[in-house]
Protein backbone atom coordinates (compact mmCIF):
# COMPACT_ATOMS: atom_id res chain seq x y z
CA UNK A 1 5.31 28.05 13.94
CA UNK A 2 1.66 27.49 13.76
CA UNK A 3 1.36 25.38 16.32
CA UNK A 4 -2.05 23.56 15.65
CA UNK A 5 -2.92 20.52 14.16
CA UNK A 6 -6.08 18.10 13.23
CA UNK A 7 -6.03 14.56 12.96
CA UNK A 8 -8.22 11.39 12.13
CA UNK A 9 -8.45 8.97 14.56
CA UNK A 10 -9.89 5.88 15.16
CA UNK A 11 -12.11 6.16 18.70
CA UNK A 12 -13.00 2.56 18.78
CA UNK A 13 -13.69 0.17 15.90
CA UNK A 14 -16.18 1.07 13.13
CA UNK A 15 -16.41 5.10 14.38
CA UNK A 16 -13.42 7.88 12.89
CA UNK A 17 -13.47 10.98 14.39
CA UNK A 18 -10.83 13.98 14.06
CA UNK A 19 -9.19 15.43 16.71
CA UNK A 20 -7.59 18.79 17.72
CA UNK A 21 -3.53 18.53 18.02
CA UNK A 22 -1.02 20.48 19.39
CA UNK A 23 2.25 20.26 18.04
CA UNK A 24 6.12 20.10 19.63
CA UNK A 25 8.30 22.59 19.04
CA UNK A 26 10.50 21.13 16.43
CA UNK A 27 14.14 20.22 17.24
CA UNK A 28 17.11 20.87 14.98
CA UNK A 29 17.18 17.59 13.46
CA UNK A 30 13.62 17.84 13.02
CA UNK A 31 11.10 19.22 9.99
CA UNK A 32 7.79 20.70 9.87
CA UNK A 33 5.39 19.20 7.90
CA UNK A 34 1.94 20.90 5.83
CA UNK A 35 -0.03 18.08 4.49
CA UNK A 36 -1.12 18.50 0.71
CA UNK A 37 -1.96 14.83 0.10
CA UNK A 38 -2.15 11.39 2.06
CA UNK A 39 -3.62 7.74 1.37
CA UNK A 40 -6.36 5.58 2.92
CA UNK A 41 -3.99 1.88 1.88
CA UNK A 42 -7.31 0.74 1.71
CA UNK A 43 -6.54 -3.17 2.63
CA UNK A 44 -4.81 -2.51 6.20
CA UNK A 45 -6.61 0.46 6.62
CA UNK A 46 -10.27 -0.65 6.62
CA UNK A 47 -8.98 -3.50 8.70
CA UNK A 48 -7.60 -1.63 11.49
CA UNK A 49 -10.99 0.76 11.22
CA UNK A 50 -13.25 -2.51 11.46
CA UNK A 51 -11.03 -3.77 14.43
CA UNK A 52 -9.63 -6.57 13.01
CA UNK A 53 -6.35 -6.38 14.24
CA UNK A 54 -5.11 -9.98 15.82
CA UNK A 55 -4.03 -9.61 19.32
CA UNK A 56 -0.60 -11.08 18.75
CA UNK A 57 -0.37 -8.55 16.00
CA UNK A 58 -0.22 -5.64 17.96
CA UNK A 59 2.86 -4.86 18.02
CA UNK A 60 4.02 -6.07 14.42
CA UNK A 61 1.11 -4.32 12.95
CA UNK A 62 1.67 -0.60 14.20
CA UNK A 63 2.67 2.17 11.83
CA UNK A 64 5.82 4.14 12.32
CA UNK A 65 4.31 7.54 13.66
CA UNK A 66 0.94 5.32 15.19
CA UNK A 67 -0.67 6.61 18.56
CA UNK A 68 -2.35 4.97 20.40
CA UNK A 69 -3.32 0.62 20.81
CA UNK A 70 -5.51 -1.22 18.71
CA UNK A 71 -8.14 -1.82 18.59
CA UNK A 72 -8.89 1.77 19.79
CA UNK A 73 -8.13 4.81 19.99
CA UNK A 74 -5.91 4.31 17.81
CA UNK A 75 -3.91 7.23 15.07
CA UNK A 76 -3.04 5.22 12.17
CA UNK A 77 -2.17 5.75 8.79
CA UNK A 78 0.89 5.66 6.90
CA UNK A 79 0.93 7.57 3.17
CA UNK A 80 1.37 11.52 3.79
CA UNK A 81 3.23 13.81 1.45
CA UNK A 82 3.39 17.36 1.97
CA UNK A 83 6.24 20.54 1.68
CA UNK A 84 8.23 21.33 4.82
CA UNK A 85 7.43 24.33 5.91
CA UNK A 86 10.78 24.21 8.99
CA UNK A 87 13.26 22.33 9.51
CA UNK A 88 17.17 22.19 7.62
CA UNK A 89 18.22 24.73 4.84
CA UNK A 90 17.78 21.21 2.53
CA UNK A 91 14.83 20.41 3.53
CA UNK A 92 13.37 24.19 3.80
CA UNK A 93 10.16 24.39 1.10
CA UNK A 94 10.66 20.38 -0.69
CA UNK A 95 7.96 18.07 -1.21
CA UNK A 96 8.66 15.15 0.85
CA UNK A 97 6.69 11.91 1.45
CA UNK A 98 6.31 10.17 5.65
CA UNK A 99 5.37 7.57 6.56
CA UNK A 100 2.65 9.40 8.70
CA UNK A 101 -0.93 9.72 10.16
CA UNK A 102 -3.43 11.82 8.55
CA UNK A 103 -2.91 14.62 9.83
CA UNK A 104 -2.83 18.56 8.66
CA UNK A 105 0.96 19.38 10.40
CA UNK A 106 3.15 16.95 11.91
CA UNK A 107 6.92 17.18 13.46
CA UNK A 108 9.34 14.05 13.07
CA UNK A 109 12.81 13.86 12.80
CA UNK A 110 13.82 15.42 9.55
CA UNK A 111 15.67 11.46 8.81
CA UNK A 112 12.56 10.44 8.96
CA UNK A 113 11.10 11.89 5.22
CA UNK A 114 12.07 11.24 1.77
CA UNK A 115 12.03 14.35 -0.45
CA UNK A 116 9.78 14.01 -3.88
CA UNK A 117 11.32 14.30 -6.67
CA UNK A 118 10.63 16.29 -9.14
CA UNK A 119 8.75 14.25 -11.67
CA UNK A 120 6.17 13.06 -9.33
CA UNK A 121 3.03 15.04 -8.98
CA UNK A 122 2.42 15.32 -4.56
CA UNK A 123 -0.97 13.49 -5.69
CA UNK A 124 0.68 10.76 -7.19
CA UNK A 125 3.20 10.53 -4.60
CA UNK A 126 0.35 9.03 -1.76
CA UNK A 127 1.13 5.97 -3.87
CA UNK A 128 5.00 5.61 -2.28
CA UNK A 129 3.98 3.20 0.19
CA UNK A 130 2.38 1.18 -1.52
CA UNK A 131 4.86 1.28 -5.02
CA UNK A 132 7.29 0.23 -1.99
CA UNK A 133 5.40 -2.49 -0.84
CA UNK A 134 5.39 -3.78 -5.00
CA UNK A 135 9.18 -3.09 -4.92
CA UNK A 136 9.57 -5.85 -1.84
CA UNK A 137 7.72 -8.20 -3.28
CA UNK A 138 9.20 -8.31 -7.03
CA UNK A 139 12.59 -8.23 -5.06
CA UNK A 140 11.13 -11.65 -2.85
CA UNK A 141 9.53 -12.97 -6.29
CA UNK A 142 12.63 -12.41 -8.34
CA UNK A 143 10.76 -12.52 -11.30
CA UNK A 144 12.86 -14.24 -14.81
CA UNK A 145 12.42 -13.02 -17.77
CA UNK A 146 9.84 -14.68 -20.31
CA UNK A 147 7.64 -15.41 -16.89
CA UNK A 148 4.68 -16.14 -17.35
CA UNK A 149 3.28 -14.66 -14.46
CA UNK A 150 -0.63 -13.58 -12.97
CA UNK A 151 -1.52 -11.09 -10.30
CA UNK A 152 -4.52 -12.49 -8.38
CA UNK A 153 -6.39 -9.84 -6.77
CA UNK A 154 -6.48 -6.38 -8.24
CA UNK A 155 -6.49 -4.34 -5.15
CA UNK A 156 -3.79 -1.33 -4.43
CA UNK A 157 -1.37 -3.64 -3.66
CA UNK A 158 -1.93 -6.21 -6.60
CA UNK A 159 -2.35 -3.04 -9.25
CA UNK A 160 1.15 -1.22 -8.12
CA UNK A 161 2.06 -5.11 -8.31
CA UNK A 162 1.08 -5.68 -12.08
CA UNK A 163 2.48 -1.84 -13.08
CA UNK A 164 5.47 -3.05 -12.41
CA UNK A 165 5.81 -6.18 -13.81
CA UNK A 166 4.48 -4.51 -17.04
CA UNK A 167 7.85 -3.19 -17.68
CA UNK A 168 9.19 -6.46 -17.15
CA UNK A 169 11.01 -8.43 -20.41
CA UNK A 170 9.41 -10.86 -22.15
CA UNK A 171 6.64 -11.45 -19.59
CA UNK A 172 3.04 -12.32 -20.03
CA UNK A 173 1.37 -10.35 -17.24
CA UNK A 174 -2.41 -11.14 -16.18
CA UNK A 175 -3.93 -9.41 -13.47
CA UNK A 176 -7.06 -11.70 -12.28
CA UNK A 177 -10.11 -9.96 -10.45
CA UNK A 178 -13.90 -10.82 -10.54
CA UNK A 179 -14.54 -7.38 -10.56
CA UNK A 180 -14.89 -6.46 -14.44
CA UNK A 181 -14.52 -2.44 -13.65
CA UNK A 182 -10.88 -3.32 -12.64
CA UNK A 183 -10.21 -4.58 -16.79
CA UNK A 184 -9.66 -0.47 -17.79
CA UNK A 185 -7.31 -0.33 -14.86
CA UNK A 186 -4.68 -3.31 -16.16
CA UNK A 187 -5.75 -1.76 -19.91
CA UNK A 188 -3.69 2.19 -18.36
CA UNK A 189 -0.99 -0.18 -16.45
CA UNK A 190 -0.54 -2.12 -19.63
CA UNK A 191 -0.95 -5.91 -18.38
CA UNK A 192 -4.04 -8.07 -19.44
CA UNK A 193 -7.01 -9.04 -17.42
CA UNK A 194 -9.72 -11.99 -16.66
CA UNK A 195 -11.83 -13.06 -14.17
CA UNK A 196 -10.70 -15.84 -11.96
CA UNK A 197 -12.72 -18.47 -14.04
CA UNK A 198 -10.58 -17.32 -17.29
CA UNK A 199 -7.07 -17.05 -16.13
CA UNK A 200 -4.49 -18.52 -18.17
CA UNK A 201 -3.03 -21.17 -16.42
CA UNK A 202 0.73 -22.43 -16.88
CA UNK A 203 1.43 -19.62 -14.66
CA UNK A 204 5.59 -19.36 -13.31
CA UNK A 205 4.98 -17.55 -10.41
CA UNK A 206 1.51 -16.18 -9.60
CA UNK A 207 1.28 -13.28 -7.06
CA UNK A 208 -1.43 -13.21 -4.86
CA UNK A 209 -3.19 -9.87 -2.82
CA UNK A 210 -7.01 -10.53 -2.74
CA UNK A 211 -7.39 -11.40 0.76
CA UNK A 212 -9.72 -14.60 0.25
CA UNK A 213 -8.98 -17.98 0.50
CA UNK A 214 -11.15 -18.61 -2.85
CA UNK A 215 -8.53 -15.85 -4.32
CA UNK A 216 -5.18 -17.66 -2.91
CA UNK A 217 -6.93 -21.22 -3.78
CA UNK A 218 -7.02 -20.15 -7.48
CA UNK A 219 -3.54 -18.52 -7.56
CA UNK A 220 -2.49 -22.57 -6.73
CA UNK A 221 -4.50 -23.81 -9.46
CA UNK A 222 -2.68 -20.77 -12.05
CA UNK A 223 0.62 -22.95 -11.22
CA UNK A 224 2.76 -24.60 -13.64
CA UNK A 225 4.72 -27.38 -12.01
CA UNK A 226 7.49 -26.74 -9.86
CA UNK A 227 5.90 -22.46 -9.60
CA UNK A 228 5.60 -20.10 -6.69
CA UNK A 229 3.01 -18.33 -4.99
CA UNK A 230 4.22 -14.80 -3.38
CA UNK A 231 1.55 -14.53 -0.59
CA UNK A 232 1.21 -10.47 -0.23
CA UNK A 233 -2.58 -10.56 1.57
CA UNK A 234 -3.06 -9.50 5.25
CA UNK A 235 -5.92 -11.89 7.04
CA UNK A 236 -6.15 -10.52 10.07
CA UNK A 237 -8.03 -12.45 12.59
CA UNK A 238 -9.68 -14.69 9.60
CA UNK A 239 -8.68 -18.51 9.01
CA UNK A 240 -7.79 -19.61 5.91
CA UNK A 241 -8.22 -23.04 4.41
CA UNK A 242 -5.99 -24.33 1.42
CA UNK A 243 -6.25 -27.83 -0.35
CA UNK A 244 -2.61 -29.09 0.24
CA UNK A 245 -3.97 -32.48 -0.11
CA UNK A 246 -4.39 -32.63 -3.60
CA UNK A 247 -2.65 -32.18 -6.08
CA UNK A 248 0.35 -29.32 -4.31
CA UNK A 249 2.74 -31.78 -3.09
CA UNK A 250 2.89 -33.94 -6.94
CA UNK A 251 3.25 -30.62 -8.53
CA UNK A 252 5.42 -29.81 -6.15
CA UNK A 253 3.93 -26.28 -5.58
CA UNK A 254 5.59 -22.97 -3.25
CA UNK A 255 3.67 -20.70 -1.29
CA UNK A 256 6.42 -17.78 -0.57
CA UNK A 257 5.23 -15.02 2.08
CA UNK A 258 6.47 -11.50 1.54
CA UNK A 259 5.87 -8.31 3.66
CA UNK A 260 6.91 -4.76 3.53
CA UNK A 261 8.14 -4.68 7.19
CA UNK A 262 11.56 -6.41 6.31
CA UNK A 263 13.90 -5.33 3.43
CA UNK A 264 13.64 -8.52 0.84
CA UNK A 265 16.87 -10.52 1.89
CA UNK A 266 17.62 -11.35 -1.40
CA UNK A 267 18.51 -7.35 -1.74
CA UNK A 268 20.35 -7.71 1.41
CA UNK A 269 22.54 -4.20 0.65
CA UNK A 270 20.00 -1.89 0.02
CA UNK A 271 18.16 -0.12 3.46
CA UNK A 272 14.46 0.64 3.62
CA UNK A 273 15.22 4.52 2.67
CA UNK A 274 17.20 2.75 -0.75
CA UNK A 275 13.66 1.37 -1.48
CA UNK A 276 11.55 4.00 -0.55
CA UNK A 277 13.55 6.23 -2.73
CA UNK A 278 13.10 3.69 -5.65
CA UNK A 279 9.67 3.37 -5.12
CA UNK A 280 9.50 7.00 -5.88
CA UNK A 281 11.65 7.31 -8.63
CA UNK A 282 9.12 4.45 -10.27
CA UNK A 283 6.13 6.90 -9.56
CA UNK A 284 7.46 8.61 -12.57
CA UNK A 285 5.47 7.24 -14.66
CA UNK A 286 1.72 8.43 -15.52
CA UNK A 287 0.72 5.31 -15.97
CA UNK A 288 0.61 4.84 -11.97
CA UNK A 289 -2.81 8.33 -11.83
CA UNK A 290 -5.18 4.86 -12.62
CA UNK A 291 -4.38 3.71 -8.91
CA UNK A 292 -5.85 6.64 -7.92
CA UNK A 293 -9.88 6.31 -8.05
CA UNK A 294 -10.95 8.29 -5.53
CA UNK A 295 -10.62 11.47 -3.56
CA UNK A 296 -12.02 13.59 -0.51
CA UNK A 297 -11.44 15.89 1.62
CA UNK A 298 -9.81 15.67 5.09
CA UNK A 299 -13.05 16.38 7.10
CA UNK A 300 -15.33 14.66 4.80
CA UNK A 301 -12.94 11.41 6.26
CA UNK A 302 -14.65 10.17 9.27
CA UNK A 303 -18.00 10.01 6.89
CA UNK A 304 -15.76 8.06 4.20
CA UNK A 305 -13.77 5.64 5.82
CA UNK A 306 -16.65 3.19 6.70
CA UNK A 307 -17.36 3.34 3.51
CA UNK A 308 -14.41 2.45 2.33
CA UNK A 309 -14.71 -0.77 4.84
CA UNK A 310 -17.86 -1.40 3.49
CA UNK A 311 -16.86 -1.12 0.32
CA UNK A 312 -19.96 1.27 -0.42
CA UNK A 313 -16.82 3.23 -1.75
CA UNK A 314 -15.06 0.62 -4.23
CA UNK A 315 -11.83 2.35 -4.05
CA UNK A 316 -8.21 1.11 -5.05
CA UNK A 317 -6.23 3.79 -3.38
CA UNK A 318 -8.62 6.88 -1.65
CA UNK A 319 -6.60 10.19 -2.22
CA UNK A 320 -7.43 12.78 0.56
CA UNK A 321 -7.03 16.43 0.10
CA UNK A 322 -6.20 18.84 2.75
CA UNK A 323 -6.42 22.66 2.88
CA UNK A 324 -4.10 23.84 4.84
CA UNK A 325 -2.08 26.54 2.89
CA UNK A 326 -3.06 29.03 5.93
């Protein structure tokens, strides 16, 4: 086995570096994965990169194979696709998805990887974790046929939700974002698009994913009486104020949280593995390629991550490519 690997670490808030790693010998129930691609989950990972995880959330925010602690040094990430180099015969040579940080090779329990369907290209499979979040959100939201729906916030999560809602029978779906460039993404996904001031109101459901106070306020404004805002944003250490003293009560509005760390209780008979397998099946749709808007090599990641965090690279999903053939 090639026991050498390299991993991206957040050395301190705002500064990343690549470190050498030595892999342990795999056990009988473990696999060695050679990474092909990983994805930067821009909202969460850039919050981690700038050191914005509140102390009270350090435990809750840990990724499955995280090393180190917030605010750093920490090895963090959870969108990895690779090939099994060693492991049980049923997995050997298969392309798999794993909730692992940015690293060239790694050893994990065989139960921690999910086989990528042959209908899904490896480069698209990095979206699995985000599409899984969208699946859980829609289980929580439980939209109905013919609903009028807005998705406020055209980032990686918001666009994933919009992509799944585009398939929903009879629904009016509009992606709402301040960046006019998101109109092209909405068009590729098959949903409408509007700037915040032009969005259609009277919505039965608004999914909010902009991670801004202004976006959440606008989401409430777009609701019909007794409508629901499903809140997907993670604000980290920022406080948010809302106009709950205006028409919030008289219109009987609802704000409901959703978080991928728990399988929606509305689907209590499903496991985490079921949810991830469903997300990977849904990625057979080539329209989801519109969510991958940038790519760099693994070696470039220490220089790319600050630009992603600052908005200098306005990516949805930024894909990281690995040259690990040797």
